[in-house]
Amino acid sequence: MELVTLNNFTEGERAIITSFKAGKVFENFLLANGITLGTVVVKNYSPQYAKLINLTVNGKLLTLRNSDFDKIECFKM
């Protein structure tokens, strides 16, 4: 397993969240949506032209901005 940001993932890859590099407001948003340290997420299909990325967290579909994915570090599974 290697430590990367969620931007480096392709469709269908799974990851374990290890840290957030963001302010408290963004961290609280992630926590409210079920993304905590140790959570397993799966990157879903996202069009290349869109600035949004879809992922599945505990069975829920969540969409984040591409720039927000740089703030989340994880291990590839």
N, C-alpha and C. Protein backbone atom coordinates (compact mmCIF):
# COMPACT_ATOMS: atom_id res chain seq x y z
N MET A 1 0.84 -1.19 0.00
CA MET A 1 0.00 0.00 0.00
C MET A 1 0.88 1.24 0.00
N GLU A 2 0.44 2.26 -0.73
CA GLU A 2 1.20 3.50 -0.78
C GLU A 2 0.31 4.68 -0.40
N LEU A 3 0.90 5.69 0.22
CA LEU A 3 0.17 6.87 0.66
C LEU A 3 0.05 7.85 -0.49
N VAL A 4 -1.19 8.21 -0.87
CA VAL A 4 -1.44 9.14 -1.97
C VAL A 4 -2.66 9.99 -1.63
N THR A 5 -2.92 11.01 -2.48
CA THR A 5 -4.17 11.76 -2.35
C THR A 5 -5.21 11.11 -3.24
N LEU A 6 -6.47 11.42 -3.00
CA LEU A 6 -7.54 10.78 -3.75
C LEU A 6 -7.55 11.17 -5.22
N ASN A 7 -6.84 12.24 -5.60
CA ASN A 7 -6.77 12.63 -7.01
C ASN A 7 -6.08 11.58 -7.87
N ASN A 8 -5.21 10.77 -7.29
CA ASN A 8 -4.41 9.81 -8.05
C ASN A 8 -5.11 8.47 -8.27
N PHE A 9 -6.41 8.42 -8.08
CA PHE A 9 -7.15 7.18 -8.19
C PHE A 9 -7.86 7.08 -9.52
N THR A 10 -8.07 5.84 -9.97
CA THR A 10 -8.87 5.60 -11.16
C THR A 10 -10.21 5.01 -10.71
N GLU A 11 -11.13 4.95 -11.63
CA GLU A 11 -12.47 4.46 -11.33
C GLU A 11 -12.44 3.04 -10.78
N GLY A 12 -13.14 2.83 -9.68
CA GLY A 12 -13.24 1.50 -9.08
C GLY A 12 -12.21 1.20 -8.02
N GLU A 13 -11.19 2.03 -7.86
CA GLU A 13 -10.17 1.76 -6.84
C GLU A 13 -10.70 2.11 -5.45
N ARG A 14 -10.23 1.36 -4.47
CA ARG A 14 -10.62 1.55 -3.08
C ARG A 14 -9.47 2.14 -2.29
N ALA A 15 -9.81 2.88 -1.22
CA ALA A 15 -8.79 3.52 -0.40
C ALA A 15 -9.25 3.58 1.05
N ILE A 16 -8.27 3.67 1.96
CA ILE A 16 -8.53 3.89 3.38
C ILE A 16 -8.04 5.29 3.72
N ILE A 17 -8.92 6.12 4.25
CA ILE A 17 -8.57 7.50 4.58
C ILE A 17 -7.61 7.51 5.77
N THR A 18 -6.48 8.27 5.63
CA THR A 18 -5.51 8.34 6.72
C THR A 18 -5.38 9.72 7.33
N SER A 19 -5.61 10.80 6.55
CA SER A 19 -5.51 12.14 7.12
C SER A 19 -6.20 13.16 6.23
N PHE A 20 -6.53 14.30 6.85
CA PHE A 20 -7.11 15.44 6.14
C PHE A 20 -6.14 16.60 6.24
N LYS A 21 -5.90 17.30 5.14
CA LYS A 21 -5.06 18.51 5.15
C LYS A 21 -5.97 19.70 4.86
N ALA A 22 -6.89 19.97 5.78
CA ALA A 22 -7.88 21.01 5.53
C ALA A 22 -8.24 21.70 6.84
N GLY A 23 -9.02 22.75 6.73
CA GLY A 23 -9.48 23.48 7.90
C GLY A 23 -10.61 22.75 8.61
N LYS A 24 -11.01 23.27 9.74
CA LYS A 24 -12.05 22.65 10.56
C LYS A 24 -13.39 22.58 9.85
N VAL A 25 -13.73 23.59 9.07
CA VAL A 25 -15.03 23.59 8.38
C VAL A 25 -15.12 22.42 7.40
N PHE A 26 -14.06 22.20 6.62
CA PHE A 26 -14.05 21.10 5.67
C PHE A 26 -14.03 19.76 6.39
N GLU A 27 -13.27 19.65 7.46
CA GLU A 27 -13.24 18.41 8.24
C GLU A 27 -14.62 18.10 8.81
N ASN A 28 -15.31 19.12 9.31
CA ASN A 28 -16.66 18.90 9.84
C ASN A 28 -17.62 18.46 8.75
N PHE A 29 -17.47 19.00 7.53
CA PHE A 29 -18.30 18.58 6.40
C PHE A 29 -18.07 17.11 6.09
N LEU A 30 -16.80 16.69 6.08
CA LEU A 30 -16.49 15.29 5.81
C LEU A 30 -17.05 14.38 6.91
N LEU A 31 -16.89 14.78 8.15
CA LEU A 31 -17.40 13.99 9.26
C LEU A 31 -18.92 13.86 9.20
N ALA A 32 -19.61 14.93 8.82
CA ALA A 32 -21.07 14.90 8.70
C ALA A 32 -21.52 13.96 7.59
N ASN A 33 -20.66 13.72 6.61
CA ASN A 33 -20.99 12.83 5.50
C ASN A 33 -20.40 11.44 5.66
N GLY A 34 -19.89 11.13 6.84
CA GLY A 34 -19.43 9.78 7.13
C GLY A 34 -17.99 9.49 6.77
N ILE A 35 -17.21 10.51 6.41
CA ILE A 35 -15.80 10.28 6.08
C ILE A 35 -14.96 10.60 7.31
N THR A 36 -14.46 9.54 7.96
CA THR A 36 -13.59 9.69 9.12
C THR A 36 -12.29 8.96 8.82
N LEU A 37 -11.32 9.10 9.70
CA LEU A 37 -10.07 8.37 9.52
C LEU A 37 -10.36 6.87 9.59
N GLY A 38 -9.82 6.12 8.65
CA GLY A 38 -10.05 4.69 8.61
C GLY A 38 -11.22 4.27 7.74
N THR A 39 -11.96 5.21 7.19
CA THR A 39 -13.10 4.90 6.32
C THR A 39 -12.61 4.39 4.97
N VAL A 40 -13.28 3.36 4.46
CA VAL A 40 -12.97 2.84 3.12
C VAL A 40 -13.88 3.54 2.11
N VAL A 41 -13.28 4.12 1.07
CA VAL A 41 -14.04 4.80 0.02
C VAL A 41 -13.70 4.16 -1.33
N VAL A 42 -14.64 4.28 -2.28
CA VAL A 42 -14.46 3.76 -3.63
C VAL A 42 -14.72 4.90 -4.59
N LYS A 43 -13.77 5.14 -5.51
CA LYS A 43 -13.96 6.20 -6.50
C LYS A 43 -14.85 5.67 -7.62
N ASN A 44 -15.89 6.44 -7.95
CA ASN A 44 -16.83 6.07 -9.01
C ASN A 44 -16.54 6.87 -10.28
N TYR A 45 -17.30 6.55 -11.33
CA TYR A 45 -17.14 7.23 -12.61
C TYR A 45 -17.37 8.73 -12.46
N SER A 46 -16.49 9.52 -13.04
CA SER A 46 -16.64 10.96 -13.12
C SER A 46 -16.13 11.41 -14.49
N PRO A 47 -16.91 12.19 -15.22
CA PRO A 47 -16.44 12.66 -16.53
C PRO A 47 -15.16 13.48 -16.40
N GLN A 48 -14.27 13.36 -17.37
CA GLN A 48 -12.99 14.07 -17.33
C GLN A 48 -13.16 15.58 -17.36
N TYR A 49 -14.18 16.07 -18.05
CA TYR A 49 -14.37 17.52 -18.18
C TYR A 49 -14.98 18.15 -16.93
N ALA A 50 -15.57 17.34 -16.07
CA ALA A 50 -16.22 17.86 -14.86
C ALA A 50 -15.18 18.14 -13.79
N LYS A 51 -15.46 19.11 -12.96
CA LYS A 51 -14.57 19.42 -11.84
C LYS A 51 -15.07 18.76 -10.56
N LEU A 52 -15.98 17.79 -10.70
CA LEU A 52 -16.53 17.07 -9.57
C LEU A 52 -16.14 15.60 -9.68
N ILE A 53 -15.94 14.97 -8.53
CA ILE A 53 -15.57 13.56 -8.49
C ILE A 53 -16.54 12.83 -7.56
N ASN A 54 -17.02 11.69 -8.00
CA ASN A 54 -17.97 10.89 -7.23
C ASN A 54 -17.25 9.78 -6.49
N LEU A 55 -17.69 9.52 -5.25
CA LEU A 55 -17.16 8.39 -4.52
C LEU A 55 -18.24 7.78 -3.66
N THR A 56 -18.06 6.53 -3.30
CA THR A 56 -19.01 5.83 -2.44
C THR A 56 -18.40 5.68 -1.06
N VAL A 57 -19.18 6.10 -0.05
CA VAL A 57 -18.75 6.01 1.34
C VAL A 57 -19.85 5.29 2.11
N ASN A 58 -19.55 4.12 2.62
CA ASN A 58 -20.53 3.34 3.39
C ASN A 58 -21.85 3.18 2.65
N GLY A 59 -21.79 2.96 1.35
CA GLY A 59 -22.99 2.76 0.56
C GLY A 59 -23.67 4.03 0.07
N LYS A 60 -23.17 5.21 0.47
CA LYS A 60 -23.74 6.47 0.02
C LYS A 60 -22.88 7.06 -1.09
N LEU A 61 -23.51 7.68 -2.09
CA LEU A 61 -22.79 8.36 -3.15
C LEU A 61 -22.54 9.80 -2.71
N LEU A 62 -21.29 10.24 -2.78
CA LEU A 62 -20.90 11.58 -2.37
C LEU A 62 -20.09 12.22 -3.49
N THR A 63 -20.35 13.49 -3.77
CA THR A 63 -19.62 14.21 -4.81
C THR A 63 -18.83 15.34 -4.17
N LEU A 64 -17.54 15.41 -4.50
CA LEU A 64 -16.66 16.46 -4.00
C LEU A 64 -15.99 17.17 -5.17
N ARG A 65 -15.56 18.40 -4.93
CA ARG A 65 -14.80 19.12 -5.96
C ARG A 65 -13.43 18.47 -6.11
N ASN A 66 -12.89 18.56 -7.29
CA ASN A 66 -11.58 18.00 -7.59
C ASN A 66 -10.51 18.60 -6.67
N SER A 67 -10.62 19.88 -6.36
CA SER A 67 -9.63 20.54 -5.49
C SER A 67 -9.70 20.00 -4.05
N ASP A 68 -10.86 19.52 -3.63
CA ASP A 68 -11.00 18.97 -2.28
C ASP A 68 -10.30 17.62 -2.15
N PHE A 69 -10.17 16.90 -3.26
CA PHE A 69 -9.52 15.59 -3.21
C PHE A 69 -8.04 15.72 -2.88
N ASP A 70 -7.43 16.87 -3.17
CA ASP A 70 -6.02 17.08 -2.82
C ASP A 70 -5.82 17.15 -1.31
N LYS A 71 -6.88 17.43 -0.57
CA LYS A 71 -6.78 17.62 0.87
C LYS A 71 -6.97 16.32 1.66
N ILE A 72 -7.25 15.22 0.97
CA ILE A 72 -7.52 13.96 1.64
C ILE A 72 -6.43 12.95 1.27
N GLU A 73 -5.68 12.48 2.27
CA GLU A 73 -4.63 11.48 2.03
C GLU A 73 -5.15 10.11 2.43
N CYS A 74 -4.69 9.10 1.69
CA CYS A 74 -5.18 7.75 1.95
C CYS A 74 -4.18 6.71 1.44
N PHE A 75 -4.44 5.46 1.80
CA PHE A 75 -3.70 4.31 1.29
C PHE A 75 -4.53 3.62 0.24
N LYS A 76 -3.91 3.28 -0.91
CA LYS A 76 -4.60 2.47 -1.91
C LYS A 76 -4.70 1.05 -1.38
N MET A 77 -5.80 0.41 -1.70
CA MET A 77 -5.99 -0.99 -1.29
C MET A 77 -5.77 -1.90 -2.47
